[in-house]
Amino acid sequence: MAGFHSKSIDRLFQAVLHLETVEDCYRLFEDICTIKEIQDMAQRLDAAFLLDQGCNYQTISKEVGISTATISRVSKCLNYGSGGYRAAIDSLKASEENNAN
């Protein structure tokens, strides 16, 4: 996705990285995205977590409320994509483990 990179997108990602709280993220994303876009992104991440846990497509579809076609795309990205889902899952798992200790 070399054509995907730009100064404008770098600025967006830097802005997200500099936010300090979940509430800050809510405010920024609500200004930048529609509520539906935010919900769609959250559902895809939920699907990635459930795929990582070994859940099947039908279970995920019922639990998350997305199509099996979307789940298939998430699965493809999780397994063969750029590693974004994997990095997010591993980072959040590590954070949850640290908070549990």
C-alpha atoms as a PDB file:
ATOM      1  CA  MET A   1       0.000   0.000   0.000  1.00  0.00           C
ATOM      2  CA  ALA A   2       2.770   2.429  -0.781  1.00  0.00           C
ATOM      3  CA  GLY A   3       0.302   4.892  -2.343  1.00  0.00           C
ATOM      4  CA  PHE A   4      -1.665   4.916   0.897  1.00  0.00           C
ATOM      5  CA  HIS A   5       1.056   6.794   2.811  1.00  0.00           C
ATOM      6  CA  SER A   6       0.942  10.580   2.873  1.00  0.00           C
ATOM      7  CA  LYS A   7       1.864  13.517   5.085  1.00  0.00           C
ATOM      8  CA  SER A   8      -1.812  14.087   5.791  1.00  0.00           C
ATOM      9  CA  ILE A   9      -2.367  10.509   6.970  1.00  0.00           C
ATOM     10  CA  ASP A  10       0.870  10.628   8.977  1.00  0.00           C
ATOM     11  CA  ARG A  11      -0.506  13.722  10.737  1.00  0.00           C
ATOM     12  CA  LEU A  12      -3.765  11.922  11.519  1.00  0.00           C
ATOM     13  CA  PHE A  13      -1.949   8.925  12.986  1.00  0.00           C
ATOM     14  CA  GLN A  14       0.422  11.165  14.966  1.00  0.00           C
ATOM     15  CA  ALA A  15      -2.603  12.990  16.383  1.00  0.00           C
ATOM     16  CA  VAL A  16      -4.119   9.687  17.506  1.00  0.00           C
ATOM     17  CA  LEU A  17      -0.836   8.563  19.058  1.00  0.00           C
ATOM     18  CA  HIS A  18      -0.635  11.787  21.059  1.00  0.00           C
ATOM     19  CA  LEU A  19      -4.084  11.434  22.600  1.00  0.00           C
ATOM     20  CA  GLU A  20      -3.913  10.475  26.247  1.00  0.00           C
ATOM     21  CA  THR A  21      -7.319   9.061  27.128  1.00  0.00           C
ATOM     22  CA  VAL A  22     -10.118   7.025  25.613  1.00  0.00           C
ATOM     23  CA  GLU A  23     -12.336  10.075  26.043  1.00  0.00           C
ATOM     24  CA  ASP A  24      -9.881  12.088  23.895  1.00  0.00           C
ATOM     25  CA  CYS A  25     -10.232   9.389  21.215  1.00  0.00           C
ATOM     26  CA  TYR A  26     -14.024   9.550  21.412  1.00  0.00           C
ATOM     27  CA  ARG A  27     -13.942  13.303  20.853  1.00  0.00           C
ATOM     28  CA  LEU A  28     -11.508  13.164  17.926  1.00  0.00           C
ATOM     29  CA  PHE A  29     -13.134  10.231  16.162  1.00  0.00           C
ATOM     30  CA  GLU A  30     -16.612  11.681  16.630  1.00  0.00           C
ATOM     31  CA  ASP A  31     -15.416  14.846  14.905  1.00  0.00           C
ATOM     32  CA  ILE A  32     -13.595  13.017  12.095  1.00  0.00           C
ATOM     33  CA  CYS A  33     -15.874  10.027  11.428  1.00  0.00           C
ATOM     34  CA  THR A  34     -19.544   9.264  11.385  1.00  0.00           C
ATOM     35  CA  ILE A  35     -20.800   7.185  14.294  1.00  0.00           C
ATOM     36  CA  LYS A  36     -21.436   4.345  11.814  1.00  0.00           C
ATOM     37  CA  GLU A  37     -17.811   4.451  10.595  1.00  0.00           C
ATOM     38  CA  ILE A  38     -16.548   4.218  14.177  1.00  0.00           C
ATOM     39  CA  GLN A  39     -18.922   1.340  14.904  1.00  0.00           C
ATOM     40  CA  ASP A  40     -17.818  -0.465  11.735  1.00  0.00           C
ATOM     41  CA  MET A  41     -14.143  -0.163  12.695  1.00  0.00           C
ATOM     42  CA  ALA A  42     -14.885  -1.384  16.218  1.00  0.00           C
ATOM     43  CA  GLN A  43     -16.822  -4.370  14.863  1.00  0.00           C
ATOM     44  CA  ARG A  44     -13.930  -5.335  12.588  1.00  0.00           C
ATOM     45  CA  LEU A  45     -11.519  -5.209  15.520  1.00  0.00           C
ATOM     46  CA  ASP A  46     -13.963  -7.279  17.611  1.00  0.00           C
ATOM     47  CA  ALA A  47     -14.067  -9.819  14.778  1.00  0.00           C
ATOM     48  CA  ALA A  48     -10.259  -9.947  14.683  1.00  0.00           C
ATOM     49  CA  PHE A  49     -10.136 -10.631  18.428  1.00  0.00           C
ATOM     50  CA  LEU A  50     -12.711 -13.406  18.110  1.00  0.00           C
ATOM     51  CA  LEU A  51     -10.927 -14.937  15.112  1.00  0.00           C
ATOM     52  CA  ASP A  52      -7.719 -14.886  17.139  1.00  0.00           C
ATOM     53  CA  GLN A  53      -9.564 -16.794  19.876  1.00  0.00           C
ATOM     54  CA  GLY A  54     -10.590 -19.442  17.339  1.00  0.00           C
ATOM     55  CA  CYS A  55     -14.278 -18.548  16.987  1.00  0.00           C
ATOM     56  CA  ASN A  56     -16.027 -19.542  13.778  1.00  0.00           C
ATOM     57  CA  TYR A  57     -17.605 -17.124  11.319  1.00  0.00           C
ATOM     58  CA  GLN A  58     -21.210 -17.897  12.306  1.00  0.00           C
ATOM     59  CA  THR A  59     -20.522 -17.263  15.999  1.00  0.00           C
ATOM     60  CA  ILE A  60     -18.739 -14.021  15.207  1.00  0.00           C
ATOM     61  CA  SER A  61     -21.491 -12.902  12.848  1.00  0.00           C
ATOM     62  CA  LYS A  62     -24.134 -13.425  15.531  1.00  0.00           C
ATOM     63  CA  GLU A  63     -22.079 -11.912  18.364  1.00  0.00           C
ATOM     64  CA  VAL A  64     -20.689  -8.889  16.528  1.00  0.00           C
ATOM     65  CA  GLY A  65     -23.499  -8.311  14.040  1.00  0.00           C
ATOM     66  CA  ILE A  66     -21.454  -8.270  10.840  1.00  0.00           C
ATOM     67  CA  SER A  67     -21.592 -10.327   7.669  1.00  0.00           C
ATOM     68  CA  THR A  68     -19.469 -13.373   7.061  1.00  0.00           C
ATOM     69  CA  ALA A  69     -18.025 -11.526   4.037  1.00  0.00           C
ATOM     70  CA  THR A  70     -16.684  -8.817   6.369  1.00  0.00           C
ATOM     71  CA  ILE A  71     -15.365 -11.471   8.732  1.00  0.00           C
ATOM     72  CA  SER A  72     -13.627 -13.152   5.797  1.00  0.00           C
ATOM     73  CA  ARG A  73     -11.925  -9.870   4.891  1.00  0.00           C
ATOM     74  CA  VAL A  74     -10.839  -9.358   8.504  1.00  0.00           C
ATOM     75  CA  SER A  75      -9.502 -12.916   8.589  1.00  0.00           C
ATOM     76  CA  LYS A  76      -7.533 -12.348   5.389  1.00  0.00           C
ATOM     77  CA  CYS A  77      -6.017  -9.161   6.843  1.00  0.00           C
ATOM     78  CA  LEU A  78      -5.321 -10.842  10.179  1.00  0.00           C
ATOM     79  CA  ASN A  79      -3.503 -13.714   8.515  1.00  0.00           C
ATOM     80  CA  TYR A  80      -1.960 -12.135   5.421  1.00  0.00           C
ATOM     81  CA  GLY A  81      -2.232  -8.370   5.852  1.00  0.00           C
ATOM     82  CA  SER A  82       0.261  -5.786   7.006  1.00  0.00           C
ATOM     83  CA  GLY A  83       0.163  -6.931  10.638  1.00  0.00           C
ATOM     84  CA  GLY A  84      -1.993  -4.131  12.011  1.00  0.00           C
ATOM     85  CA  TYR A  85      -4.630  -6.371  13.556  1.00  0.00           C
ATOM     86  CA  ARG A  86      -1.931  -8.629  15.023  1.00  0.00           C
ATOM     87  CA  ALA A  87      -0.072  -5.667  16.556  1.00  0.00           C
ATOM     88  CA  ALA A  88      -3.280  -4.267  18.054  1.00  0.00           C
ATOM     89  CA  ILE A  89      -4.394  -7.630  19.462  1.00  0.00           C
ATOM     90  CA  ASP A  90      -0.994  -8.423  20.955  1.00  0.00           C
ATOM     91  CA  SER A  91      -0.624  -4.935  22.422  1.00  0.00           C
ATOM     92  CA  LEU A  92      -4.064  -4.972  24.031  1.00  0.00           C
ATOM     93  CA  LYS A  93      -3.567  -8.502  25.370  1.00  0.00           C
ATOM     94  CA  ALA A  94      -0.249  -7.465  26.929  1.00  0.00           C
ATOM     95  CA  SER A  95      -1.852  -4.380  28.431  1.00  0.00           C
ATOM     96  CA  GLU A  96      -4.698  -6.454  29.912  1.00  0.00           C
ATOM     97  CA  GLU A  97      -2.194  -8.929  31.372  1.00  0.00           C
ATOM     98  CA  ASN A  98      -0.157  -6.112  32.934  1.00  0.00           C
ATOM     99  CA  ASN A  99      -3.299  -4.562  34.430  1.00  0.00           C
ATOM    100  CA  ALA A 100      -4.338  -7.949  35.860  1.00  0.00           C
ATOM    101  CA  ASN A 101      -1.032  -8.285  37.733  1.00  0.00           C
END
